[in-house]
Amino acid sequence: MDTDGSITNTLDNVGVSNGMGFTLNRKRMYHTDSGAKTINLFDYNRKTGAMSNMRVFAKVHSNEAGGLDGMTVDAEGYVWLASWNGWSLVRYTPQGIEEQ
């Protein structure tokens, strides 16, 4: 949603959009696609809201993970991913590595 209340489509071919967050410096944005079981990372322009340079930050490989259901970024810049059917939270380093 733009500041004037209008809607602009910024991303196509999304399975289930289910979470977003920002890096601590607000220069990149995370987006969770539950259908693709990925967290994507974009370069983000805070002034214009433009997203560019989409790449996969983390791919959830386990079928036991259930549906990806939201995410957040903590004060250390780590990404937390919730799983509704896997009854779990997964923490990723700022480099996209799943912590055990």
PDB file of N, CA and C in Angstrom:
ATOM      1  N   MET A   1       0.843  -1.163   0.000  1.00  0.00           N
ATOM      2  CA  MET A   1       0.000   0.000   0.000  1.00  0.00           C
ATOM      3  C   MET A   1       0.894   1.232   0.000  1.00  0.00           C
ATOM      4  N   ASP A   2       0.606   2.133  -0.918  1.00  0.00           N
ATOM      5  CA  ASP A   2       1.380   3.360  -1.026  1.00  0.00           C
ATOM      6  C   ASP A   2       0.912   4.388   0.009  1.00  0.00           C
ATOM      7  N   THR A   3       1.711   5.410   0.218  1.00  0.00           N
ATOM      8  CA  THR A   3       1.377   6.417   1.227  1.00  0.00           C
ATOM      9  C   THR A   3       0.086   7.164   0.911  1.00  0.00           C
ATOM     10  N   ASP A   4      -0.325   7.173  -0.356  1.00  0.00           N
ATOM     11  CA  ASP A   4      -1.582   7.838  -0.715  1.00  0.00           C
ATOM     12  C   ASP A   4      -2.784   6.904  -0.635  1.00  0.00           C
ATOM     13  N   GLY A   5      -2.569   5.665  -0.165  1.00  0.00           N
ATOM     14  CA  GLY A   5      -3.650   4.699  -0.020  1.00  0.00           C
ATOM     15  C   GLY A   5      -3.865   3.815  -1.235  1.00  0.00           C
ATOM     16  N   SER A   6      -3.172   4.075  -2.324  1.00  0.00           N
ATOM     17  CA  SER A   6      -3.311   3.234  -3.514  1.00  0.00           C
ATOM     18  C   SER A   6      -2.509   1.944  -3.342  1.00  0.00           C
ATOM     19  N   ILE A   7      -2.842   0.960  -4.163  1.00  0.00           N
ATOM     20  CA  ILE A   7      -2.176  -0.348  -4.102  1.00  0.00           C
ATOM     21  C   ILE A   7      -1.309  -0.520  -5.340  1.00  0.00           C
ATOM     22  N   THR A   8      -0.065  -0.938  -5.151  1.00  0.00           N
ATOM     23  CA  THR A   8       0.850  -1.222  -6.244  1.00  0.00           C
ATOM     24  C   THR A   8       1.353  -2.651  -6.097  1.00  0.00           C
ATOM     25  N   ASN A   9       1.181  -3.460  -7.145  1.00  0.00           N
ATOM     26  CA  ASN A   9       1.699  -4.821  -7.138  1.00  0.00           C
ATOM     27  C   ASN A   9       3.217  -4.763  -7.309  1.00  0.00           C
ATOM     28  N   THR A  10       3.932  -5.357  -6.368  1.00  0.00           N
ATOM     29  CA  THR A  10       5.397  -5.320  -6.423  1.00  0.00           C
ATOM     30  C   THR A  10       6.026  -6.685  -6.638  1.00  0.00           C
ATOM     31  N   LEU A  11       5.211  -7.755  -6.550  1.00  0.00           N
ATOM     32  CA  LEU A  11       5.771  -9.098  -6.641  1.00  0.00           C
ATOM     33  C   LEU A  11       4.728 -10.036  -7.234  1.00  0.00           C
ATOM     34  N   ASP A  12       5.109 -10.765  -8.273  1.00  0.00           N
ATOM     35  CA  ASP A  12       4.218 -11.718  -8.929  1.00  0.00           C
ATOM     36  C   ASP A  12       4.620 -13.144  -8.583  1.00  0.00           C
ATOM     37  N   ASN A  13       3.720 -14.081  -8.891  1.00  0.00           N
ATOM     38  CA  ASN A  13       3.975 -15.520  -8.753  1.00  0.00           C
ATOM     39  C   ASN A  13       4.361 -15.928  -7.341  1.00  0.00           C
ATOM     40  N   VAL A  14       3.634 -15.411  -6.361  1.00  0.00           N
ATOM     41  CA  VAL A  14       3.856 -15.774  -4.966  1.00  0.00           C
ATOM     42  C   VAL A  14       2.877 -16.871  -4.595  1.00  0.00           C
ATOM     43  N   GLY A  15       3.379 -17.938  -3.957  1.00  0.00           N
ATOM     44  CA  GLY A  15       2.504 -19.021  -3.514  1.00  0.00           C
ATOM     45  C   GLY A  15       1.595 -18.546  -2.395  1.00  0.00           C
ATOM     46  N   VAL A  16       2.170 -18.262  -1.241  1.00  0.00           N
ATOM     47  CA  VAL A  16       1.446 -17.723  -0.091  1.00  0.00           C
ATOM     48  C   VAL A  16       2.370 -16.729   0.598  1.00  0.00           C
ATOM     49  N   SER A  17       2.040 -15.461   0.493  1.00  0.00           N
ATOM     50  CA  SER A  17       2.820 -14.429   1.154  1.00  0.00           C
ATOM     51  C   SER A  17       2.520 -14.485   2.645  1.00  0.00           C
ATOM     52  N   ASN A  18       3.555 -14.747   3.453  1.00  0.00           N
ATOM     53  CA  ASN A  18       3.276 -15.013   4.854  1.00  0.00           C
ATOM     54  C   ASN A  18       4.396 -14.531   5.767  1.00  0.00           C
ATOM     55  N   GLY A  19       4.760 -13.279   5.641  1.00  0.00           N
ATOM     56  CA  GLY A  19       5.741 -12.700   6.546  1.00  0.00           C
ATOM     57  C   GLY A  19       6.721 -11.807   5.826  1.00  0.00           C
ATOM     58  N   MET A  20       7.093 -10.734   6.515  1.00  0.00           N
ATOM     59  CA  MET A  20       8.122  -9.839   5.992  1.00  0.00           C
ATOM     60  C   MET A  20       8.829  -9.186   7.160  1.00  0.00           C
ATOM     61  N   GLY A  21      10.019  -8.711   6.896  1.00  0.00           N
ATOM     62  CA  GLY A  21      10.809  -8.021   7.896  1.00  0.00           C
ATOM     63  C   GLY A  21      11.950  -7.296   7.222  1.00  0.00           C
ATOM     64  N   PHE A  22      12.679  -6.526   7.992  1.00  0.00           N
ATOM     65  CA  PHE A  22      13.757  -5.708   7.456  1.00  0.00           C
ATOM     66  C   PHE A  22      15.059  -5.981   8.203  1.00  0.00           C
ATOM     67  N   THR A  23      16.166  -5.835   7.483  1.00  0.00           N
ATOM     68  CA  THR A  23      17.468  -5.901   8.145  1.00  0.00           C
ATOM     69  C   THR A  23      17.560  -4.716   9.098  1.00  0.00           C
ATOM     70  N   LEU A  24      18.487  -4.788  10.022  1.00  0.00           N
ATOM     71  CA  LEU A  24      18.579  -3.743  11.040  1.00  0.00           C
ATOM     72  C   LEU A  24      18.836  -2.356  10.452  1.00  0.00           C
ATOM     73  N   ASN A  25      19.541  -2.276   9.331  1.00  0.00           N
ATOM     74  CA  ASN A  25      19.822  -0.975   8.721  1.00  0.00           C
ATOM     75  C   ASN A  25      18.735  -0.545   7.727  1.00  0.00           C
ATOM     76  N   ARG A  26      17.703  -1.366   7.567  1.00  0.00           N
ATOM     77  CA  ARG A  26      16.548  -1.089   6.689  1.00  0.00           C
ATOM     78  C   ARG A  26      16.918  -1.007   5.202  1.00  0.00           C
ATOM     79  N   LYS A  27      18.067  -1.561   4.829  1.00  0.00           N
ATOM     80  CA  LYS A  27      18.472  -1.531   3.427  1.00  0.00           C
ATOM     81  C   LYS A  27      18.052  -2.782   2.666  1.00  0.00           C
ATOM     82  N   ARG A  28      17.578  -3.801   3.399  1.00  0.00           N
ATOM     83  CA  ARG A  28      17.111  -5.032   2.759  1.00  0.00           C
ATOM     84  C   ARG A  28      15.822  -5.476   3.428  1.00  0.00           C
ATOM     85  N   MET A  29      15.000  -6.177   2.653  1.00  0.00           N
ATOM     86  CA  MET A  29      13.719  -6.643   3.153  1.00  0.00           C
ATOM     87  C   MET A  29      13.590  -8.149   2.926  1.00  0.00           C
ATOM     88  N   TYR A  30      13.114  -8.848   3.944  1.00  0.00           N
ATOM     89  CA  TYR A  30      12.832 -10.276   3.852  1.00  0.00           C
ATOM     90  C   TYR A  30      11.357 -10.473   3.506  1.00  0.00           C
ATOM     91  N   HIS A  31      11.076 -11.509   2.742  1.00  0.00           N
ATOM     92  CA  HIS A  31       9.696 -11.875   2.422  1.00  0.00           C
ATOM     93  C   HIS A  31       9.582 -13.393   2.422  1.00  0.00           C
ATOM     94  N   THR A  32       8.609 -13.911   3.165  1.00  0.00           N
ATOM     95  CA  THR A  32       8.390 -15.351   3.244  1.00  0.00           C
ATOM     96  C   THR A  32       7.319 -15.771   2.255  1.00  0.00           C
ATOM     97  N   ASP A  33       7.636 -16.770   1.438  1.00  0.00           N
ATOM     98  CA  ASP A  33       6.664 -17.382   0.530  1.00  0.00           C
ATOM     99  C   ASP A  33       6.450 -18.813   1.013  1.00  0.00           C
ATOM    100  N   SER A  34       5.319 -19.027   1.694  1.00  0.00           N
ATOM    101  CA  SER A  34       5.038 -20.350   2.261  1.00  0.00           C
ATOM    102  C   SER A  34       4.888 -21.408   1.183  1.00  0.00           C
ATOM    103  N   GLY A  35       4.309 -21.052   0.048  1.00  0.00           N
ATOM    104  CA  GLY A  35       4.131 -22.014  -1.031  1.00  0.00           C
ATOM    105  C   GLY A  35       5.453 -22.534  -1.564  1.00  0.00           C
ATOM    106  N   ALA A  36       6.427 -21.663  -1.690  1.00  0.00           N
ATOM    107  CA  ALA A  36       7.749 -22.047  -2.201  1.00  0.00           C
ATOM    108  C   ALA A  36       8.699 -22.501  -1.091  1.00  0.00           C
ATOM    109  N   LYS A  37       8.270 -22.364   0.171  1.00  0.00           N
ATOM    110  CA  LYS A  37       9.099 -22.672   1.341  1.00  0.00           C
ATOM    111  C   LYS A  37      10.434 -21.929   1.286  1.00  0.00           C
ATOM    112  N   THR A  38      10.348 -20.641   1.009  1.00  0.00           N
ATOM    113  CA  THR A  38      11.557 -19.807   0.949  1.00  0.00           C
ATOM    114  C   THR A  38      11.365 -18.512   1.714  1.00  0.00           C
ATOM    115  N   ILE A  39      12.480 -17.996   2.185  1.00  0.00           N
ATOM    116  CA  ILE A  39      12.549 -16.610   2.630  1.00  0.00           C
ATOM    117  C   ILE A  39      13.410 -15.923   1.588  1.00  0.00           C
ATOM    118  N   ASN A  40      12.840 -14.945   0.906  1.00  0.00           N
ATOM    119  CA  ASN A  40      13.586 -14.188  -0.098  1.00  0.00           C
ATOM    120  C   ASN A  40      14.111 -12.909   0.520  1.00  0.00           C
ATOM    121  N   LEU A  41      15.176 -12.400  -0.046  1.00  0.00           N
ATOM    122  CA  LEU A  41      15.788 -11.160   0.415  1.00  0.00           C
ATOM    123  C   LEU A  41      15.853 -10.200  -0.762  1.00  0.00           C
ATOM    124  N   PHE A  42      15.458  -8.964  -0.521  1.00  0.00           N
ATOM    125  CA  PHE A  42      15.461  -7.914  -1.539  1.00  0.00           C
ATOM    126  C   PHE A  42      16.311  -6.748  -1.067  1.00  0.00           C
ATOM    127  N   ASP A  43      16.915  -6.041  -1.991  1.00  0.00           N
ATOM    128  CA  ASP A  43      17.430  -4.717  -1.674  1.00  0.00           C
ATOM    129  C   ASP A  43      16.212  -3.826  -1.555  1.00  0.00           C
ATOM    130  N   TYR A  44      16.219  -2.904  -0.606  1.00  0.00           N
ATOM    131  CA  TYR A  44      15.038  -2.098  -0.320  1.00  0.00           C
ATOM    132  C   TYR A  44      15.419  -0.621  -0.250  1.00  0.00           C
ATOM    133  N   ASN A  45      14.664   0.203  -0.967  1.00  0.00           N
ATOM    134  CA  ASN A  45      14.860   1.650  -0.936  1.00  0.00           C
ATOM    135  C   ASN A  45      13.826   2.230   0.018  1.00  0.00           C
ATOM    136  N   ARG A  46      14.285   2.660   1.167  1.00  0.00           N
ATOM    137  CA  ARG A  46      13.384   3.148   2.211  1.00  0.00           C
ATOM    138  C   ARG A  46      12.611   4.395   1.780  1.00  0.00           C
ATOM    139  N   LYS A  47      13.204   5.240   0.959  1.00  0.00           N
ATOM    140  CA  LYS A  47      12.531   6.474   0.525  1.00  0.00           C
ATOM    141  C   LYS A  47      11.392   6.202  -0.446  1.00  0.00           C
ATOM    142  N   THR A  48      11.610   5.259  -1.371  1.00  0.00           N
ATOM    143  CA  THR A  48      10.603   5.007  -2.399  1.00  0.00           C
ATOM    144  C   THR A  48       9.787   3.741  -2.147  1.00  0.00           C
ATOM    145  N   GLY A  49      10.288   2.851  -1.292  1.00  0.00           N
ATOM    146  CA  GLY A  49       9.622   1.577  -1.060  1.00  0.00           C
ATOM    147  C   GLY A  49       9.915   0.551  -2.140  1.00  0.00           C
ATOM    148  N   ALA A  50      10.822   0.880  -3.064  1.00  0.00           N
ATOM    149  CA  ALA A  50      11.137  -0.026  -4.171  1.00  0.00           C
ATOM    150  C   ALA A  50      11.957  -1.219  -3.674  1.00  0.00           C
ATOM    151  N   MET A  51      11.621  -2.398  -4.217  1.00  0.00           N
ATOM    152  CA  MET A  51      12.347  -3.630  -3.938  1.00  0.00           C
ATOM    153  C   MET A  51      13.050  -4.056  -5.210  1.00  0.00           C
ATOM    154  N   SER A  52      14.285  -4.565  -5.073  1.00  0.00           N
ATOM    155  CA  SER A  52      15.031  -5.026  -6.243  1.00  0.00           C
ATOM    156  C   SER A  52      15.961  -6.161  -5.833  1.00  0.00           C
ATOM    157  N   ASN A  53      16.563  -6.796  -6.828  1.00  0.00           N
ATOM    158  CA  ASN A  53      17.597  -7.804  -6.607  1.00  0.00           C
ATOM    159  C   ASN A  53      17.124  -8.951  -5.707  1.00  0.00           C
ATOM    160  N   MET A  54      15.977  -9.551  -6.048  1.00  0.00           N
ATOM    161  CA  MET A  54      15.456 -10.662  -5.261  1.00  0.00           C
ATOM    162  C   MET A  54      16.391 -11.866  -5.337  1.00  0.00           C
ATOM    163  N   ARG A  55      16.648 -12.474  -4.172  1.00  0.00           N
ATOM    164  CA  ARG A  55      17.418 -13.704  -4.104  1.00  0.00           C
ATOM    165  C   ARG A  55      16.917 -14.514  -2.915  1.00  0.00           C
ATOM    166  N   VAL A  56      17.180 -15.811  -2.939  1.00  0.00           N
ATOM    167  CA  VAL A  56      16.757 -16.681  -1.853  1.00  0.00           C
ATOM    168  C   VAL A  56      17.704 -16.493  -0.676  1.00  0.00           C
ATOM    169  N   PHE A  57      17.146 -16.132   0.462  1.00  0.00           N
ATOM    170  CA  PHE A  57      17.901 -15.996   1.705  1.00  0.00           C
ATOM    171  C   PHE A  57      18.007 -17.356   2.394  1.00  0.00           C
ATOM    172  N   ALA A  58      16.887 -18.081   2.452  1.00  0.00           N
ATOM    173  CA  ALA A  58      16.876 -19.406   3.068  1.00  0.00           C
ATOM    174  C   ALA A  58      15.783 -20.244   2.428  1.00  0.00           C
ATOM    175  N   LYS A  59      16.082 -21.509   2.228  1.00  0.00           N
ATOM    176  CA  LYS A  59      15.121 -22.478   1.689  1.00  0.00           C
ATOM    177  C   LYS A  59      14.867 -23.516   2.769  1.00  0.00           C
ATOM    178  N   VAL A  60      13.587 -23.760   3.064  1.00  0.00           N
ATOM    179  CA  VAL A  60      13.228 -24.763   4.060  1.00  0.00           C
ATOM    180  C   VAL A  60      13.080 -26.086   3.333  1.00  0.00           C
ATOM    181  N   HIS A  61      13.948 -27.047   3.628  1.00  0.00           N
ATOM    182  CA  HIS A  61      13.983 -28.311   2.894  1.00  0.00           C
ATOM    183  C   HIS A  61      13.136 -29.402   3.537  1.00  0.00           C
ATOM    184  N   SER A  62      12.927 -29.331   4.809  1.00  0.00           N
ATOM    185  CA  SER A  62      12.251 -30.413   5.518  1.00  0.00           C
ATOM    186  C   SER A  62      10.753 -30.411   5.258  1.00  0.00           C
ATOM    187  N   ASN A  63      10.203 -31.565   4.923  1.00  0.00           N
ATOM    188  CA  ASN A  63       8.752 -31.710   4.808  1.00  0.00           C
ATOM    189  C   ASN A  63       8.086 -31.669   6.172  1.00  0.00           C
ATOM    190  N   GLU A  64       8.866 -31.896   7.213  1.00  0.00           N
ATOM    191  CA  GLU A  64       8.326 -31.870   8.567  1.00  0.00           C
ATOM    192  C   GLU A  64       8.142 -30.453   9.086  1.00  0.00           C
ATOM    193  N   ALA A  65       8.621 -29.474   8.348  1.00  0.00           N
ATOM    194  CA  ALA A  65       8.559 -28.097   8.831  1.00  0.00           C
ATOM    195  C   ALA A  65       7.146 -27.546   8.840  1.00  0.00           C
ATOM    196  N   GLY A  66       6.224 -28.169   8.110  1.00  0.00           N
ATOM    197  CA  GLY A  66       4.862 -27.661   8.078  1.00  0.00           C
ATOM    198  C   GLY A  66       4.792 -26.376   7.289  1.00  0.00           C
ATOM    199  N   GLY A  67       3.701 -25.652   7.453  1.00  0.00           N
ATOM    200  CA  GLY A  67       3.517 -24.405   6.729  1.00  0.00           C
ATOM    201  C   GLY A  67       4.278 -23.262   7.370  1.00  0.00           C
ATOM    202  N   LEU A  68       5.001 -22.541   6.570  1.00  0.00           N
ATOM    203  CA  LEU A  68       5.709 -21.367   7.081  1.00  0.00           C
ATOM    204  C   LEU A  68       4.657 -20.334   7.453  1.00  0.00           C
ATOM    205  N   ASP A  69       4.774 -19.785   8.642  1.00  0.00           N
ATOM    206  CA  ASP A  69       3.687 -18.962   9.152  1.00  0.00           C
ATOM    207  C   ASP A  69       4.206 -17.723   9.870  1.00  0.00           C
ATOM    208  N   GLY A  70       4.815 -16.850   9.122  1.00  0.00           N
ATOM    209  CA  GLY A  70       5.285 -15.603   9.699  1.00  0.00           C
ATOM    210  C   GLY A  70       6.752 -15.643  10.064  1.00  0.00           C
ATOM    211  N   MET A  71       7.320 -14.456  10.181  1.00  0.00           N
ATOM    212  CA  MET A  71       8.725 -14.336  10.541  1.00  0.00           C
ATOM    213  C   MET A  71       8.946 -12.988  11.185  1.00  0.00           C
ATOM    214  N   THR A  72      10.084 -12.860  11.844  1.00  0.00           N
ATOM    215  CA  THR A  72      10.474 -11.590  12.435  1.00  0.00           C
ATOM    216  C   THR A  72      11.995 -11.522  12.463  1.00  0.00           C
ATOM    217  N   VAL A  73      12.516 -10.338  12.671  1.00  0.00           N
ATOM    218  CA  VAL A  73      13.957 -10.118  12.784  1.00  0.00           C
ATOM    219  C   VAL A  73      14.224  -9.613  14.191  1.00  0.00           C
ATOM    220  N   ASP A  74      15.167 -10.245  14.901  1.00  0.00           N
ATOM    221  CA  ASP A  74      15.445  -9.837  16.274  1.00  0.00           C
ATOM    222  C   ASP A  74      16.470  -8.701  16.332  1.00  0.00           C
ATOM    223  N   ALA A  75      16.758  -8.239  17.521  1.00  0.00           N
ATOM    224  CA  ALA A  75      17.649  -7.094  17.726  1.00  0.00           C
ATOM    225  C   ALA A  75      19.083  -7.368  17.304  1.00  0.00           C
ATOM    226  N   GLU A  76      19.454  -8.634  17.097  1.00  0.00           N
ATOM    227  CA  GLU A  76      20.794  -8.994  16.636  1.00  0.00           C
ATOM    228  C   GLU A  76      20.842  -9.192  15.126  1.00  0.00           C
ATOM    229  N   GLY A  77      19.697  -9.039  14.442  1.00  0.00           N
ATOM    230  CA  GLY A  77      19.644  -9.213  12.996  1.00  0.00           C
ATOM    231  C   GLY A  77      19.384 -10.633  12.546  1.00  0.00           C
ATOM    232  N   TYR A  78      19.072 -11.530  13.471  1.00  0.00           N
ATOM    233  CA  TYR A  78      18.740 -12.904  13.129  1.00  0.00           C
ATOM    234  C   TYR A  78      17.272 -12.991  12.731  1.00  0.00           C
ATOM    235  N   VAL A  79      16.972 -13.905  11.811  1.00  0.00           N
ATOM    236  CA  VAL A  79      15.617 -14.082  11.304  1.00  0.00           C
ATOM    237  C   VAL A  79      14.993 -15.305  11.976  1.00  0.00           C
ATOM    238  N   TRP A  80      13.795 -15.122  12.517  1.00  0.00           N
ATOM    239  CA  TRP A  80      13.044 -16.201  13.147  1.00  0.00           C
ATOM    240  C   TRP A  80      11.862 -16.545  12.258  1.00  0.00           C
ATOM    241  N   LEU A  81      11.696 -17.837  11.971  1.00  0.00           N
ATOM    242  CA  LEU A  81      10.625 -18.322  11.117  1.00  0.00           C
ATOM    243  C   LEU A  81       9.729 -19.259  11.918  1.00  0.00           C
ATOM    244  N   ALA A  82       8.419 -19.006  11.875  1.00  0.00           N
ATOM    245  CA  ALA A  82       7.464 -19.860  12.573  1.00  0.00           C
ATOM    246  C   ALA A  82       6.903 -20.910  11.622  1.00  0.00           C
ATOM    247  N   SER A  83       6.579 -22.076  12.169  1.00  0.00           N
ATOM    248  CA  SER A  83       5.982 -23.165  11.409  1.00  0.00           C
ATOM    249  C   SER A  83       4.706 -23.602  12.118  1.00  0.00           C
ATOM    250  N   TRP A  84       3.562 -23.436  11.467  1.00  0.00           N
ATOM    251  CA  TRP A  84       2.292 -23.747  12.128  1.00  0.00           C
ATOM    252  C   TRP A  84       2.060 -25.236  12.282  1.00  0.00           C
ATOM    253  N   ASN A  85       2.477 -26.043  11.345  1.00  0.00           N
ATOM    254  CA  ASN A  85       2.219 -27.474  11.430  1.00  0.00           C
ATOM    255  C   ASN A  85       3.441 -28.229  11.950  1.00  0.00           C
ATOM    256  N   GLY A  86       4.568 -27.574  11.984  1.00  0.00           N
ATOM    257  CA  GLY A  86       5.782 -28.194  12.502  1.00  0.00           C
ATOM    258  C   GLY A  86       6.005 -27.844  13.955  1.00  0.00           C
ATOM    259  N   TRP A  87       5.123 -27.014  14.520  1.00  0.00           N
ATOM    260  CA  TRP A  87       5.162 -26.628  15.921  1.00  0.00           C
ATOM    261  C   TRP A  87       6.567 -26.192  16.332  1.00  0.00           C
ATOM    262  N   SER A  88       7.111 -25.258  15.558  1.00  0.00           N
ATOM    263  CA  SER A  88       8.491 -24.883  15.845  1.00  0.00           C
ATOM    264  C   SER A  88       8.793 -23.455  15.427  1.00  0.00           C
ATOM    265  N   LEU A  89       9.914 -22.974  15.926  1.00  0.00           N
ATOM    266  CA  LEU A  89      10.533 -21.731  15.489  1.00  0.00           C
ATOM    267  C   LEU A  89      11.936 -22.078  15.030  1.00  0.00           C
ATOM    268  N   VAL A  90      12.356 -21.492  13.925  1.00  0.00           N
ATOM    269  CA  VAL A  90      13.703 -21.725  13.408  1.00  0.00           C
ATOM    270  C   VAL A  90      14.404 -20.376  13.345  1.00  0.00           C
ATOM    271  N   ARG A  91      15.647 -20.338  13.769  1.00  0.00           N
ATOM    272  CA  ARG A  91      16.430 -19.100  13.757  1.00  0.00           C
ATOM    273  C   ARG A  91      17.517 -19.212  12.689  1.00  0.00           C
ATOM    274  N   TYR A  92      17.616 -18.164  11.856  1.00  0.00           N
ATOM    275  CA  TYR A  92      18.632 -18.088  10.802  1.00  0.00           C
ATOM    276  C   TYR A  92      19.597 -16.960  11.110  1.00  0.00           C
ATOM    277  N   THR A  93      20.868 -17.208  10.830  1.00  0.00           N
ATOM    278  CA  THR A  93      21.869 -16.146  10.989  1.00  0.00           C
ATOM    279  C   THR A  93      21.614 -15.085   9.922  1.00  0.00           C
ATOM    280  N   PRO A  94      22.200 -13.903  10.058  1.00  0.00           N
ATOM    281  CA  PRO A  94      22.052 -12.882   9.013  1.00  0.00           C
ATOM    282  C   PRO A  94      22.581 -13.332   7.650  1.00  0.00           C
ATOM    283  N   GLN A  95      23.346 -14.430   7.603  1.00  0.00           N
ATOM    284  CA  GLN A  95      23.845 -14.972   6.341  1.00  0.00           C
ATOM    285  C   GLN A  95      22.912 -16.059   5.780  1.00  0.00           C
ATOM    286  N   GLY A  96      21.804 -16.358   6.463  1.00  0.00           N
ATOM    287  CA  GLY A  96      20.837 -17.332   5.977  1.00  0.00           C
ATOM    288  C   GLY A  96      21.123 -18.762   6.378  1.00  0.00           C
ATOM    289  N   ILE A  97      21.943 -18.971   7.378  1.00  0.00           N
ATOM    290  CA  ILE A  97      22.276 -20.321   7.837  1.00  0.00           C
ATOM    291  C   ILE A  97      21.368 -20.675   9.024  1.00  0.00           C
ATOM    292  N   GLU A  98      20.692 -21.827   8.899  1.00  0.00           N
ATOM    293  CA  GLU A  98      19.814 -22.282   9.985  1.00  0.00           C
ATOM    294  C   GLU A  98      20.657 -22.683  11.184  1.00  0.00           C
ATOM    295  N   GLU A  99      20.274 -22.175  12.360  1.00  0.00           N
ATOM    296  CA  GLU A  99      20.954 -22.561  13.585  1.00  0.00           C
ATOM    297  C   GLU A  99      20.301 -23.807  14.164  1.00  0.00           C
ATOM    298  N   GLN A 100      21.101 -24.651  14.755  1.00  0.00           N
ATOM    299  CA  GLN A 100      20.580 -25.889  15.347  1.00  0.00           C
ATOM    300  C   GLN A 100      20.357 -25.725  16.823  1.00  0.00           C
TER     301      GLN A 100
END
